[in-house]
N, C-alpha and C. Protein backbone atom coordinates (compact mmCIF):
# COMPACT_ATOMS: atom_id res chain seq x y z
N MET A 1 16.21 22.76 -42.24
CA MET A 1 15.04 22.17 -41.78
C MET A 1 14.91 22.68 -40.52
N ASN A 2 13.71 23.17 -40.58
CA ASN A 2 12.84 23.95 -39.91
C ASN A 2 12.39 22.81 -38.53
N PHE A 3 12.35 23.46 -37.44
CA PHE A 3 11.59 22.58 -36.31
C PHE A 3 10.93 23.07 -35.69
N GLU A 4 10.49 22.60 -34.48
CA GLU A 4 9.74 23.81 -32.70
C GLU A 4 10.29 22.99 -31.75
N THR A 5 10.63 23.73 -30.76
CA THR A 5 11.24 22.41 -29.80
C THR A 5 10.60 23.37 -28.47
N GLY A 6 11.18 23.37 -27.47
CA GLY A 6 10.51 23.80 -26.08
C GLY A 6 11.58 24.48 -25.27
N ALA A 7 11.15 26.02 -24.72
CA ALA A 7 11.50 27.27 -24.96
C ALA A 7 11.68 27.80 -23.62
N ASN A 8 11.60 26.10 -22.65
CA ASN A 8 12.17 26.01 -21.85
C ASN A 8 11.29 27.38 -20.41
N LYS A 9 9.76 26.95 -21.36
CA LYS A 9 8.76 28.07 -20.21
C LYS A 9 7.46 27.28 -20.05
N THR A 10 6.56 27.18 -18.92
CA THR A 10 5.51 26.45 -19.40
C THR A 10 4.59 27.55 -20.68
N ASN A 11 4.30 26.66 -21.10
CA ASN A 11 3.21 26.14 -22.25
C ASN A 11 3.65 27.36 -23.41
N TYR A 12 5.25 27.49 -24.04
CA TYR A 12 5.79 28.50 -24.76
C TYR A 12 6.28 27.33 -25.68
N HIS A 13 6.60 27.69 -26.72
CA HIS A 13 7.48 26.97 -27.70
C HIS A 13 8.38 27.75 -28.43
N SER A 14 9.65 27.67 -29.33
CA SER A 14 10.36 27.68 -30.18
C SER A 14 10.22 27.53 -31.74
N LEU A 15 9.62 28.51 -32.97
CA LEU A 15 9.39 27.38 -33.65
C LEU A 15 10.63 27.89 -35.03
N ASN A 16 10.65 27.07 -35.84
CA ASN A 16 11.49 27.87 -37.07
C ASN A 16 13.27 28.09 -36.87
N VAL A 17 13.26 26.69 -35.63
CA VAL A 17 14.79 26.30 -35.34
C VAL A 17 15.84 25.98 -36.42
N ASN A 18 16.95 25.90 -36.37
CA ASN A 18 17.68 25.12 -37.03
C ASN A 18 18.90 24.45 -36.32
N PHE A 19 19.08 23.59 -36.53
CA PHE A 19 20.93 22.96 -36.49
C PHE A 19 21.62 23.66 -37.30
N GLY A 20 23.17 24.32 -36.24
CA GLY A 20 23.72 24.81 -36.91
C GLY A 20 24.01 26.74 -37.01
N ARG A 21 22.16 27.41 -37.05
CA ARG A 21 22.16 28.77 -36.52
C ARG A 21 21.55 28.49 -34.88
N ASP A 22 21.03 27.94 -34.80
CA ASP A 22 20.25 28.63 -33.66
C ASP A 22 20.54 27.45 -32.45
N LEU A 23 21.07 26.42 -32.55
CA LEU A 23 21.77 25.52 -31.01
C LEU A 23 22.13 23.97 -32.65
N PRO A 24 24.16 23.57 -31.88
CA PRO A 24 25.25 22.96 -33.04
C PRO A 24 24.03 21.46 -33.07
N LEU A 25 24.83 20.97 -33.68
CA LEU A 25 24.03 19.68 -34.15
C LEU A 25 24.73 18.83 -33.12
N PRO A 26 23.95 18.35 -32.90
CA PRO A 26 24.23 16.73 -32.45
C PRO A 26 24.93 15.74 -32.90
N GLU A 27 26.30 15.30 -32.24
CA GLU A 27 26.71 13.55 -32.80
C GLU A 27 25.63 12.28 -33.23
N LYS A 28 25.05 12.76 -32.16
CA LYS A 28 23.78 10.97 -32.66
C LYS A 28 22.20 11.79 -32.58
N PHE A 29 21.54 10.98 -32.60
CA PHE A 29 20.48 11.51 -33.19
C PHE A 29 19.60 10.24 -32.75
N TYR A 30 18.93 10.29 -31.53
CA TYR A 30 17.99 9.62 -31.16
C TYR A 30 16.51 9.28 -31.83
N ASP A 31 15.19 8.41 -31.78
CA ASP A 31 14.14 7.80 -31.70
C ASP A 31 13.49 7.52 -30.96
N ILE A 32 12.77 8.53 -30.49
CA ILE A 32 12.52 8.00 -28.84
C ILE A 32 10.82 8.07 -28.87
N LYS A 33 10.23 7.28 -28.66
CA LYS A 33 8.98 7.30 -28.45
C LYS A 33 8.51 6.73 -27.35
N VAL A 34 7.09 6.59 -26.96
CA VAL A 34 6.53 5.86 -25.47
C VAL A 34 6.19 4.69 -26.36
N ALA A 35 6.57 3.41 -25.70
CA ALA A 35 6.16 2.36 -26.06
C ALA A 35 4.87 2.23 -25.28
N LYS A 36 4.39 1.03 -26.63
CA LYS A 36 3.39 0.01 -26.28
C LYS A 36 2.88 -0.74 -26.73
N LYS A 37 1.65 -1.32 -26.13
CA LYS A 37 1.88 -2.93 -26.27
C LYS A 37 2.26 -3.49 -27.48
N GLY A 38 2.65 -4.12 -28.55
CA GLY A 38 3.01 -4.68 -29.30
C GLY A 38 4.18 -4.04 -30.14
N ASP A 39 4.62 -3.05 -29.60
CA ASP A 39 5.49 -2.85 -30.04
C ASP A 39 6.85 -3.20 -29.60
N LEU A 40 7.81 -3.52 -31.36
CA LEU A 40 9.22 -4.30 -30.82
C LEU A 40 10.61 -3.92 -30.84
N ASN A 41 11.15 -4.08 -29.86
CA ASN A 41 12.10 -4.26 -29.40
C ASN A 41 13.47 -3.77 -30.87
N PRO A 42 13.45 -3.20 -30.85
CA PRO A 42 14.38 -3.01 -32.62
C PRO A 42 15.86 -3.63 -32.32
N ASP A 43 16.60 -3.89 -31.28
CA ASP A 43 17.97 -4.44 -31.06
C ASP A 43 17.34 -6.30 -31.43
N THR A 44 16.01 -6.68 -30.63
CA THR A 44 15.84 -8.22 -30.67
C THR A 44 14.72 -8.61 -31.27
N ASN A 45 13.76 -7.17 -31.99
CA ASN A 45 12.65 -7.46 -33.11
C ASN A 45 11.76 -8.37 -32.16
N GLU A 46 11.41 -8.65 -30.40
CA GLU A 46 11.02 -9.03 -29.74
C GLU A 46 9.83 -7.93 -29.48
N GLU A 47 8.59 -8.66 -29.10
CA GLU A 47 7.49 -7.73 -28.85
C GLU A 47 7.74 -7.69 -27.23
N TYR A 48 7.46 -5.88 -27.07
CA TYR A 48 7.43 -5.78 -25.42
C TYR A 48 6.79 -6.48 -24.81
N GLU A 49 7.51 -6.60 -23.35
CA GLU A 49 5.95 -6.99 -22.04
C GLU A 49 5.57 -5.91 -21.41
N VAL A 50 4.34 -5.61 -21.68
CA VAL A 50 3.64 -3.88 -21.15
C VAL A 50 2.87 -4.57 -19.68
N PHE A 51 3.25 -3.88 -18.42
CA PHE A 51 2.52 -4.44 -17.22
C PHE A 51 2.09 -3.06 -16.93
N SER A 52 1.86 -3.17 -15.86
CA SER A 52 1.10 -2.05 -14.61
C SER A 52 2.31 -1.70 -13.82
N ALA A 53 2.63 -0.24 -12.79
CA ALA A 53 3.31 -0.60 -11.59
C ALA A 53 2.70 0.55 -10.78
N SER A 54 2.61 0.20 -10.05
CA SER A 54 2.85 1.34 -9.10
C SER A 54 3.78 2.34 -8.28
N GLU A 55 3.53 3.71 -8.45
CA GLU A 55 4.91 4.43 -7.60
C GLU A 55 4.17 4.41 -6.03
N VAL A 56 5.25 4.04 -5.51
CA VAL A 56 5.46 4.15 -4.09
C VAL A 56 5.80 5.21 -3.38
N GLY A 57 7.16 5.56 -4.01
CA GLY A 57 7.84 6.69 -3.44
C GLY A 57 8.65 7.79 -4.17
N ASN A 58 9.00 8.67 -4.50
CA ASN A 58 9.41 9.49 -4.66
C ASN A 58 11.08 9.70 -4.95
N ILE A 59 11.85 10.30 -5.84
CA ILE A 59 12.77 11.32 -5.32
C ILE A 59 12.95 12.19 -5.77
N PHE A 60 13.42 13.40 -5.29
CA PHE A 60 13.27 14.99 -5.04
C PHE A 60 14.83 15.79 -5.67
N PRO A 61 14.56 16.22 -6.86
CA PRO A 61 15.82 17.09 -6.49
C PRO A 61 16.04 18.52 -6.45
N LEU A 62 16.90 18.63 -5.02
CA LEU A 62 16.48 19.39 -3.87
C LEU A 62 18.05 21.44 -5.21
N TYR A 63 19.27 20.90 -5.40
CA TYR A 63 19.27 21.04 -5.97
C TYR A 63 20.27 22.15 -4.70
N THR A 64 21.02 23.51 -5.06
CA THR A 64 21.31 23.54 -4.04
C THR A 64 20.61 24.51 -2.81
N LYS A 65 19.23 24.02 -2.82
CA LYS A 65 18.20 25.37 -2.05
C LYS A 65 18.71 24.90 -0.65
N PHE A 66 18.67 24.62 0.00
CA PHE A 66 19.09 24.01 1.24
C PHE A 66 20.70 24.32 1.74
N SER A 67 21.56 23.60 0.67
CA SER A 67 22.78 24.05 0.86
C SER A 67 23.56 25.76 1.07
N GLU A 68 23.16 26.71 0.30
CA GLU A 68 23.24 27.19 0.29
C GLU A 68 22.57 28.34 1.35
N ALA A 69 21.33 27.60 1.60
CA ALA A 69 21.12 28.28 3.25
C ALA A 69 21.72 27.91 4.66
N PHE A 70 22.49 26.90 3.56
CA PHE A 70 23.20 26.63 6.03
C PHE A 70 24.24 26.82 5.82
N ASP A 71 24.91 27.81 4.20
CA ASP A 71 26.45 27.89 3.30
C ASP A 71 26.82 26.37 3.27
N TYR A 72 26.80 25.32 2.88
CA TYR A 72 27.14 24.19 3.23
C TYR A 72 28.02 24.20 2.06
N LYS A 73 29.28 23.83 2.51
CA LYS A 73 29.83 23.92 0.53
C LYS A 73 31.00 22.73 0.54
N PHE A 74 31.97 22.37 -0.23
CA PHE A 74 33.12 21.72 -0.82
C PHE A 74 33.88 21.85 -0.78
N THR A 75 35.20 21.83 -1.09
CA THR A 75 36.40 22.87 -1.54
C THR A 75 36.88 21.20 -2.29
N ASP A 76 36.77 22.40 -4.02
CA ASP A 76 36.80 20.95 -5.21
C ASP A 76 38.17 21.05 -5.58
N ARG A 77 38.70 20.17 -6.62
CA ARG A 77 40.39 19.85 -6.66
C ARG A 77 41.66 21.14 -6.73
N ASP A 78 39.97 22.21 -6.85
CA ASP A 78 41.48 23.70 -7.34
C ASP A 78 41.29 24.15 -5.79
N GLY A 79 40.99 23.63 -5.23
CA GLY A 79 40.95 24.78 -3.58
C GLY A 79 39.67 25.70 -3.30
N LYS A 80 38.60 25.23 -4.56
CA LYS A 80 37.43 26.64 -4.69
C LYS A 80 36.21 26.05 -3.23
N GLU A 81 35.67 26.66 -2.95
CA GLU A 81 34.31 26.18 -2.19
C GLU A 81 33.27 26.82 -3.45
N LYS A 82 32.82 25.40 -3.24
CA LYS A 82 31.04 25.18 -4.01
C LYS A 82 29.77 24.96 -3.00
N PRO A 83 28.78 25.27 -3.57
CA PRO A 83 27.53 24.48 -2.90
C PRO A 83 27.43 22.99 -3.52
N ILE A 84 27.11 22.38 -2.38
CA ILE A 84 26.98 21.52 -2.50
C ILE A 84 25.22 20.90 -3.34
N TYR A 85 25.14 20.12 -4.55
CA TYR A 85 23.91 19.67 -4.93
C TYR A 85 23.73 18.06 -3.99
N MET A 86 22.08 18.61 -3.60
CA MET A 86 21.28 17.79 -2.64
C MET A 86 20.14 17.07 -3.37
N GLY A 87 19.76 15.90 -2.63
CA GLY A 87 18.80 14.94 -3.27
C GLY A 87 18.18 14.97 -2.51
N CYS A 88 16.41 14.14 -2.15
CA CYS A 88 16.33 13.28 -1.13
C CYS A 88 15.19 12.29 -2.06
N TYR A 89 14.88 11.16 -0.55
CA TYR A 89 13.66 10.58 -1.41
C TYR A 89 12.51 10.32 -0.53
N GLY A 90 11.88 9.54 -0.89
CA GLY A 90 10.62 9.15 0.37
C GLY A 90 9.66 8.24 -0.10
N ILE A 91 9.37 7.36 0.06
CA ILE A 91 8.09 6.64 0.60
C ILE A 91 6.91 6.67 1.27
N GLY A 92 5.96 7.64 0.66
CA GLY A 92 4.56 7.11 1.62
C GLY A 92 3.93 6.41 1.69
N SER A 93 3.37 6.65 3.33
CA SER A 93 2.78 5.53 3.40
C SER A 93 1.26 5.51 2.95
N SER A 94 0.53 6.20 2.74
CA SER A 94 -0.68 6.88 2.07
C SER A 94 -0.48 5.50 0.96
N ARG A 95 0.78 6.00 -0.24
CA ARG A 95 0.74 5.08 -1.19
C ARG A 95 0.71 3.68 -0.79
N ILE A 96 1.62 3.40 -0.20
CA ILE A 96 1.66 2.23 0.71
C ILE A 96 0.22 1.37 0.63
N MET A 97 -0.70 1.82 1.44
CA MET A 97 -1.68 1.50 1.78
C MET A 97 -2.42 1.23 0.74
N GLY A 98 -2.63 2.24 -0.61
CA GLY A 98 -3.24 1.93 -1.56
C GLY A 98 -3.06 0.44 -2.23
N ILE A 99 -1.82 0.87 -2.15
CA ILE A 99 -1.13 -1.28 -3.30
C ILE A 99 -1.41 -2.27 -2.23
N ILE A 100 -1.53 -2.35 -1.36
CA ILE A 100 -1.26 -3.12 -0.75
C ILE A 100 -2.39 -3.35 -0.82
N VAL A 101 -4.12 -2.98 -0.82
CA VAL A 101 -5.51 -2.86 -0.78
C VAL A 101 -5.34 -3.68 -1.78
N GLU A 102 -5.04 -3.06 -3.22
CA GLU A 102 -4.77 -2.90 -4.57
C GLU A 102 -4.57 -4.47 -5.18
N LYS A 103 -3.82 -4.94 -4.30
CA LYS A 103 -3.24 -6.48 -4.74
C LYS A 103 -3.88 -7.77 -3.89
N PHE A 104 -4.48 -7.59 -2.27
CA PHE A 104 -4.60 -8.15 -1.76
C PHE A 104 -5.66 -7.95 -1.24
N HIS A 105 -6.94 -8.07 -2.14
CA HIS A 105 -8.23 -7.97 -1.30
C HIS A 105 -9.02 -8.59 -3.11
N ASP A 106 -10.18 -8.92 -2.98
CA ASP A 106 -11.07 -9.63 -3.88
C ASP A 106 -12.49 -9.34 -3.73
N GLU A 107 -13.54 -9.81 -4.35
CA GLU A 107 -13.89 -8.80 -4.78
C GLU A 107 -15.67 -8.60 -3.39
N LYS A 108 -15.39 -9.03 -1.71
CA LYS A 108 -15.90 -8.80 -0.91
C LYS A 108 -15.20 -7.73 -0.13
N GLY A 109 -13.21 -7.51 -0.49
CA GLY A 109 -12.81 -6.32 -0.18
C GLY A 109 -11.60 -6.22 0.13
N ILE A 110 -11.43 -5.93 1.31
CA ILE A 110 -9.99 -5.94 1.74
C ILE A 110 -9.98 -7.56 2.33
N ILE A 111 -7.75 -7.79 2.28
CA ILE A 111 -7.49 -8.39 2.84
C ILE A 111 -6.35 -8.55 2.95
N TRP A 112 -6.08 -7.80 4.42
CA TRP A 112 -4.92 -7.82 4.56
C TRP A 112 -3.64 -8.50 5.43
N PRO A 113 -2.49 -8.96 4.26
CA PRO A 113 -1.38 -9.35 4.69
C PRO A 113 -1.22 -8.91 6.52
N GLU A 114 -1.19 -10.28 7.42
CA GLU A 114 -0.54 -10.15 8.83
C GLU A 114 0.06 -8.54 9.25
N SER A 115 1.45 -8.81 8.60
CA SER A 115 2.09 -7.91 8.77
C SER A 115 1.58 -6.47 8.79
N VAL A 116 0.67 -6.11 8.18
CA VAL A 116 0.62 -4.53 8.34
C VAL A 116 -0.53 -4.31 8.63
N ALA A 117 -1.92 -5.71 9.20
CA ALA A 117 -2.80 -5.25 9.66
C ALA A 117 -3.45 -4.60 10.75
N PRO A 118 -4.28 -3.38 10.27
CA PRO A 118 -4.45 -2.47 11.84
C PRO A 118 -4.90 -3.17 12.98
N TYR A 119 -5.50 -4.56 12.81
CA TYR A 119 -5.97 -4.95 13.95
C TYR A 119 -5.23 -7.15 13.74
N ARG A 120 -5.40 -8.20 14.34
CA ARG A 120 -4.67 -8.75 14.65
C ARG A 120 -6.24 -10.03 14.60
N VAL A 121 -7.05 -10.21 14.55
CA VAL A 121 -8.49 -10.27 14.59
C VAL A 121 -9.74 -9.60 14.98
N HIS A 122 -10.35 -9.98 14.00
CA HIS A 122 -12.26 -9.02 14.14
C HIS A 122 -12.72 -10.24 14.76
N LEU A 123 -13.57 -9.68 16.48
CA LEU A 123 -14.79 -10.36 17.39
C LEU A 123 -15.49 -10.04 16.34
N VAL A 124 -16.90 -10.74 16.71
CA VAL A 124 -18.20 -10.64 15.67
C VAL A 124 -18.98 -10.87 17.09
N GLY A 125 -20.02 -10.70 17.95
CA GLY A 125 -20.30 -10.84 18.84
C GLY A 125 -22.26 -11.34 17.90
N LEU A 126 -22.80 -12.21 17.87
CA LEU A 126 -24.17 -12.15 17.90
C LEU A 126 -25.22 -12.59 18.69
N ASP A 127 -26.49 -12.39 18.39
CA ASP A 127 -27.03 -13.16 19.52
C ASP A 127 -26.57 -12.33 21.11
N LEU A 128 -26.10 -11.29 21.29
CA LEU A 128 -26.09 -10.12 21.72
C LEU A 128 -27.26 -10.30 23.13
N LYS A 129 -28.33 -10.47 23.22
CA LYS A 129 -29.55 -9.77 23.84
C LYS A 129 -29.17 -11.48 24.34
N ASP A 130 -29.14 -12.09 24.93
CA ASP A 130 -28.99 -13.21 24.95
C ASP A 130 -27.70 -13.31 26.27
N ASP A 131 -28.24 -13.01 27.67
CA ASP A 131 -26.94 -12.92 28.70
C ASP A 131 -25.62 -13.31 28.66
N THR A 132 -26.20 -15.01 28.32
CA THR A 132 -25.23 -16.29 27.79
C THR A 132 -24.32 -16.06 27.09
N VAL A 133 -24.08 -15.69 25.89
CA VAL A 133 -23.51 -14.97 24.60
C VAL A 133 -23.15 -13.73 24.85
N ASN A 134 -23.66 -12.79 24.89
CA ASN A 134 -22.64 -11.43 25.77
C ASN A 134 -21.85 -11.56 26.76
N LYS A 135 -22.04 -12.15 28.00
CA LYS A 135 -20.89 -12.41 28.82
C LYS A 135 -19.73 -13.38 28.08
N LYS A 136 -20.35 -14.20 27.32
CA LYS A 136 -18.59 -15.04 26.56
C LYS A 136 -18.34 -14.24 25.52
N VAL A 137 -19.18 -13.66 25.19
CA VAL A 137 -17.71 -12.54 23.83
C VAL A 137 -17.28 -11.44 24.34
N PHE A 138 -18.27 -10.78 26.01
CA PHE A 138 -17.02 -10.04 26.47
C PHE A 138 -16.11 -10.37 27.32
N ASP A 139 -16.39 -11.99 27.63
CA ASP A 139 -14.91 -12.30 28.24
C ASP A 139 -13.85 -12.62 26.97
N LEU A 140 -14.53 -13.04 26.43
CA LEU A 140 -13.26 -13.77 25.39
C LEU A 140 -12.69 -11.99 24.48
N TYR A 141 -13.27 -10.82 24.31
CA TYR A 141 -12.80 -9.55 24.56
C TYR A 141 -11.31 -9.81 25.62
N ASN A 142 -11.61 -9.26 26.56
CA ASN A 142 -11.02 -9.02 27.61
C ASN A 142 -10.02 -10.31 27.85
N LYS A 143 -10.27 -11.11 27.55
CA LYS A 143 -8.68 -12.30 27.55
C LYS A 143 -8.21 -12.41 26.54
N LEU A 144 -8.61 -11.41 24.79
CA LEU A 144 -7.33 -11.35 23.90
C LEU A 144 -6.49 -9.71 24.12
N LEU A 145 -6.92 -9.03 25.16
CA LEU A 145 -6.79 -7.91 25.31
C LEU A 145 -5.86 -8.91 26.21
N GLU A 146 -5.49 -9.40 27.07
CA GLU A 146 -4.62 -10.19 27.87
C GLU A 146 -3.42 -10.34 27.29
N GLN A 147 -3.80 -10.78 26.83
CA GLN A 147 -2.89 -11.12 25.46
C GLN A 147 -2.15 -10.78 24.65
N ASN A 148 -2.35 -9.30 24.57
CA ASN A 148 -1.98 -8.32 23.67
C ASN A 148 -2.33 -8.89 22.67
N ILE A 149 -3.80 -8.65 22.37
CA ILE A 149 -3.78 -9.72 21.14
C ILE A 149 -4.43 -8.24 20.09
N GLU A 150 -4.50 -7.52 19.51
CA GLU A 150 -4.96 -6.63 18.78
C GLU A 150 -6.16 -6.81 18.26
N VAL A 151 -7.68 -6.16 19.05
CA VAL A 151 -9.11 -6.98 18.09
C VAL A 151 -9.78 -5.67 17.72
N LEU A 152 -10.66 -5.76 17.18
CA LEU A 152 -11.97 -4.53 16.19
C LEU A 152 -12.87 -5.90 16.92
N PHE A 153 -13.70 -5.15 17.91
CA PHE A 153 -14.79 -5.28 18.48
C PHE A 153 -15.61 -5.41 17.59
N ASP A 154 -16.93 -6.21 17.10
CA ASP A 154 -17.94 -6.21 16.65
C ASP A 154 -19.01 -5.89 17.65
N ASP A 155 -19.26 -4.97 18.63
CA ASP A 155 -20.24 -5.58 19.67
C ASP A 155 -21.81 -4.61 19.53
N ARG A 156 -22.04 -4.68 18.06
CA ARG A 156 -23.06 -3.57 17.78
C ARG A 156 -24.48 -4.93 18.04
N ILE A 157 -25.66 -4.33 18.49
CA ILE A 157 -26.52 -5.02 18.77
C ILE A 157 -27.76 -5.33 17.67
N GLU A 158 -28.09 -3.81 17.16
CA GLU A 158 -29.07 -4.05 16.34
C GLU A 158 -28.78 -3.51 15.03
N VAL A 159 -27.61 -4.88 14.93
CA VAL A 159 -27.64 -5.03 13.29
C VAL A 159 -27.43 -6.60 13.27
N THR A 160 -27.95 -6.42 12.05
CA THR A 160 -28.18 -8.22 11.64
C THR A 160 -26.26 -9.03 11.48
N SER A 161 -26.42 -10.53 11.60
CA SER A 161 -25.18 -10.86 11.17
C SER A 161 -24.71 -10.83 10.42
N GLY A 162 -25.93 -11.16 8.53
CA GLY A 162 -25.37 -10.88 7.26
C GLY A 162 -24.31 -9.47 6.93
N GLU A 163 -25.33 -8.45 8.01
CA GLU A 163 -24.66 -6.79 7.86
C GLU A 163 -23.02 -7.17 8.51
N LYS A 164 -22.57 -7.36 9.95
CA LYS A 164 -21.81 -7.54 10.47
C LYS A 164 -20.46 -8.80 9.49
N PHE A 165 -20.47 -9.45 9.18
CA PHE A 165 -20.20 -10.01 8.37
C PHE A 165 -19.76 -9.66 7.06
N SER A 166 -20.83 -8.81 6.07
CA SER A 166 -20.02 -8.41 5.08
C SER A 166 -19.19 -7.03 5.88
N ASP A 167 -19.59 -6.70 6.41
CA ASP A 167 -18.57 -5.68 6.91
C ASP A 167 -17.16 -6.20 7.83
N ALA A 168 -17.14 -7.29 8.18
CA ALA A 168 -15.62 -8.52 8.77
C ALA A 168 -14.52 -8.34 7.17
N ASP A 169 -15.66 -9.05 6.02
CA ASP A 169 -15.30 -8.88 5.07
C ASP A 169 -14.55 -8.07 4.41
N LEU A 170 -15.64 -7.08 4.39
CA LEU A 170 -15.11 -5.38 4.07
C LEU A 170 -13.49 -4.92 4.22
N ILE A 171 -13.34 -5.25 5.42
CA ILE A 171 -12.28 -4.53 6.23
C ILE A 171 -11.09 -5.47 6.32
N GLY A 172 -11.61 -6.67 6.07
CA GLY A 172 -10.40 -7.68 5.39
C GLY A 172 -9.37 -7.82 6.47
N ILE A 173 -9.97 -7.97 8.03
CA ILE A 173 -8.71 -8.43 9.23
C ILE A 173 -8.31 -9.80 9.22
N PRO A 174 -7.37 -10.24 9.56
CA PRO A 174 -6.61 -11.18 8.92
C PRO A 174 -7.87 -12.95 9.36
N VAL A 175 -8.17 -12.28 10.73
CA VAL A 175 -8.59 -13.48 11.03
C VAL A 175 -9.73 -13.14 11.78
N ARG A 176 -11.28 -13.74 11.92
CA ARG A 176 -12.76 -13.46 12.21
C ARG A 176 -13.08 -14.07 12.77
N LEU A 177 -13.98 -13.94 14.15
CA LEU A 177 -13.87 -14.63 15.71
C LEU A 177 -15.23 -14.09 14.95
N VAL A 178 -16.08 -15.70 16.10
CA VAL A 178 -17.74 -15.67 15.84
C VAL A 178 -18.18 -16.47 17.25
N VAL A 179 -18.93 -15.06 18.22
CA VAL A 179 -19.42 -15.72 19.27
C VAL A 179 -20.28 -15.33 19.52
N SER A 180 -21.44 -16.65 19.73
CA SER A 180 -22.66 -17.09 19.02
C SER A 180 -23.57 -18.17 20.13
N LYS A 181 -24.78 -18.01 19.86
CA LYS A 181 -25.37 -19.74 20.04
C LYS A 181 -24.51 -20.40 19.95
N ARG A 182 -24.99 -20.40 18.89
CA ARG A 182 -24.33 -21.75 17.43
C ARG A 182 -22.49 -22.30 17.92
N SER A 183 -22.39 -21.81 18.83
CA SER A 183 -20.69 -21.03 18.68
C SER A 183 -20.50 -22.23 19.91
N GLY A 184 -21.58 -21.76 21.04
CA GLY A 184 -21.48 -22.77 22.43
C GLY A 184 -19.98 -22.42 22.80
N ASP A 185 -19.28 -23.54 24.14
CA ASP A 185 -18.26 -22.82 24.28
C ASP A 185 -16.54 -22.68 23.47
N LYS A 186 -17.66 -23.01 22.08
CA LYS A 186 -16.03 -22.88 21.25
C LYS A 186 -16.54 -21.11 20.76
N VAL A 187 -15.45 -21.10 19.99
CA VAL A 187 -15.15 -19.93 18.89
C VAL A 187 -15.17 -19.88 17.96
N GLU A 188 -16.31 -19.83 17.17
CA GLU A 188 -15.85 -20.12 15.57
C GLU A 188 -14.45 -19.13 14.83
N TYR A 189 -13.91 -19.63 14.30
CA TYR A 189 -12.66 -19.37 13.59
C TYR A 189 -12.18 -19.44 12.62
N LYS A 190 -12.22 -17.81 11.47
CA LYS A 190 -12.35 -18.22 10.00
C LYS A 190 -10.73 -17.22 9.47
N ARG A 191 -10.70 -17.97 8.77
CA ARG A 191 -9.94 -16.79 7.86
C ARG A 191 -10.02 -16.03 7.33
N ARG A 192 -9.31 -14.50 6.54
CA ARG A 192 -10.33 -13.60 5.87
C ARG A 192 -9.71 -14.56 4.70
N ASP A 193 -8.82 -15.10 4.17
CA ASP A 193 -8.57 -15.50 2.72
C ASP A 193 -8.68 -16.82 2.46
N LYS A 194 -9.31 -17.63 3.48
CA LYS A 194 -9.92 -19.08 3.56
C LYS A 194 -11.61 -18.91 3.40
N LYS A 195 -11.87 -19.79 2.68
CA LYS A 195 -13.37 -19.82 3.01
C LYS A 195 -14.40 -20.89 3.99
N ASP A 196 -13.50 -21.32 4.34
CA ASP A 196 -14.45 -22.36 5.69
C ASP A 196 -13.92 -21.57 7.05
N SER A 197 -15.04 -22.03 8.33
CA SER A 197 -14.71 -22.06 9.55
C SER A 197 -14.45 -22.97 10.09
N GLU A 198 -14.10 -22.35 11.63
CA GLU A 198 -14.31 -24.16 12.46
C GLU A 198 -14.43 -23.74 13.67
N LEU A 199 -15.24 -24.53 14.03
CA LEU A 199 -15.55 -23.98 16.01
C LEU A 199 -13.78 -25.02 16.09
N ILE A 200 -13.74 -24.77 17.53
CA ILE A 200 -12.22 -24.29 18.18
C ILE A 200 -12.58 -24.04 19.64
N THR A 201 -11.73 -24.11 20.71
CA THR A 201 -12.11 -24.15 22.27
C THR A 201 -10.70 -23.09 21.89
N TYR A 202 -10.66 -21.71 23.23
CA TYR A 202 -10.20 -20.52 23.42
C TYR A 202 -8.69 -20.96 23.19
N GLU A 203 -8.46 -22.90 24.16
CA GLU A 203 -6.79 -22.57 24.30
C GLU A 203 -6.36 -22.92 22.46
N GLU A 204 -7.03 -24.05 22.07
CA GLU A 204 -6.71 -23.78 19.95
C GLU A 204 -6.56 -22.28 19.53
N LEU A 205 -7.12 -21.34 20.03
CA LEU A 205 -7.48 -20.48 19.43
C LEU A 205 -5.57 -19.58 19.58
N LEU A 206 -5.47 -19.39 21.19
CA LEU A 206 -4.88 -18.85 21.61
C LEU A 206 -3.19 -19.59 20.06
N GLN A 207 -3.88 -21.29 20.02
CA GLN A 207 -2.30 -21.67 19.62
C GLN A 207 -2.03 -20.83 18.09
N LYS A 208 -3.88 -20.23 17.67
CA LYS A 208 -3.40 -19.99 16.22
C LYS A 208 -3.06 -18.75 16.27
N LEU A 209 -2.97 -18.24 17.58
CA LEU A 209 -2.75 -16.85 17.59
C LEU A 209 -1.28 -16.14 18.12
N THR A 210 -0.44 -17.51 18.71
CA THR A 210 0.32 -17.38 18.58
C THR A 210 1.46 -16.31 17.69
N PRO A 211 1.50 -15.28 18.28
CA PRO A 211 2.16 -13.63 18.07
C PRO A 211 3.66 -14.08 17.42
N THR A 212 3.39 -13.71 15.16
CA THR A 212 4.27 -13.47 14.78
C THR A 212 4.91 -12.38 13.99
N ARG A 213 4.57 -11.31 14.68
CA ARG A 213 5.25 -9.99 14.51
C ARG A 213 6.48 -10.18 14.96
């Protein structure tokens, strides 16, 4: 029986390999393939459940590279010193961010879970050329900071309300607050994961923003 096998070198293969001559005959043979949708489990004859997964971390075999560099050894049962085989694992923060966005989003953009959101609220100021509105929105911004509430403040003047709302949806901060002529003495409150908004007082707003972290 002639077959082909890897040669332990990139892009190289050994041809016309034979058991008994080039390597010992295995005690057991396995039929290995990459499972795909529609394949059946050979033990149960049931169709495999196929789904996608995301890789958050990696495991790295370090072998004896670092233990030899530090002369780090152990003594075996025969009293002989031997190098220690090492390994490590790590979780990638950039991978986690990508996976969170992949799982928490809609057609408009990101929906950050509150526990990992870069800001607690997204404050949007409209009608900022009106001095009264301008003062209200900046007063609210400062009050939120005094309460140690993390705020992303959109105080752009030459930008339409539609653009500001679209940007807020795209960025996906958990809570959007709007101060405008329409809001009067109240604040428009809307959660990113909800459709409807509501007008509330500053005191009601603080109750809703009670720290949960």
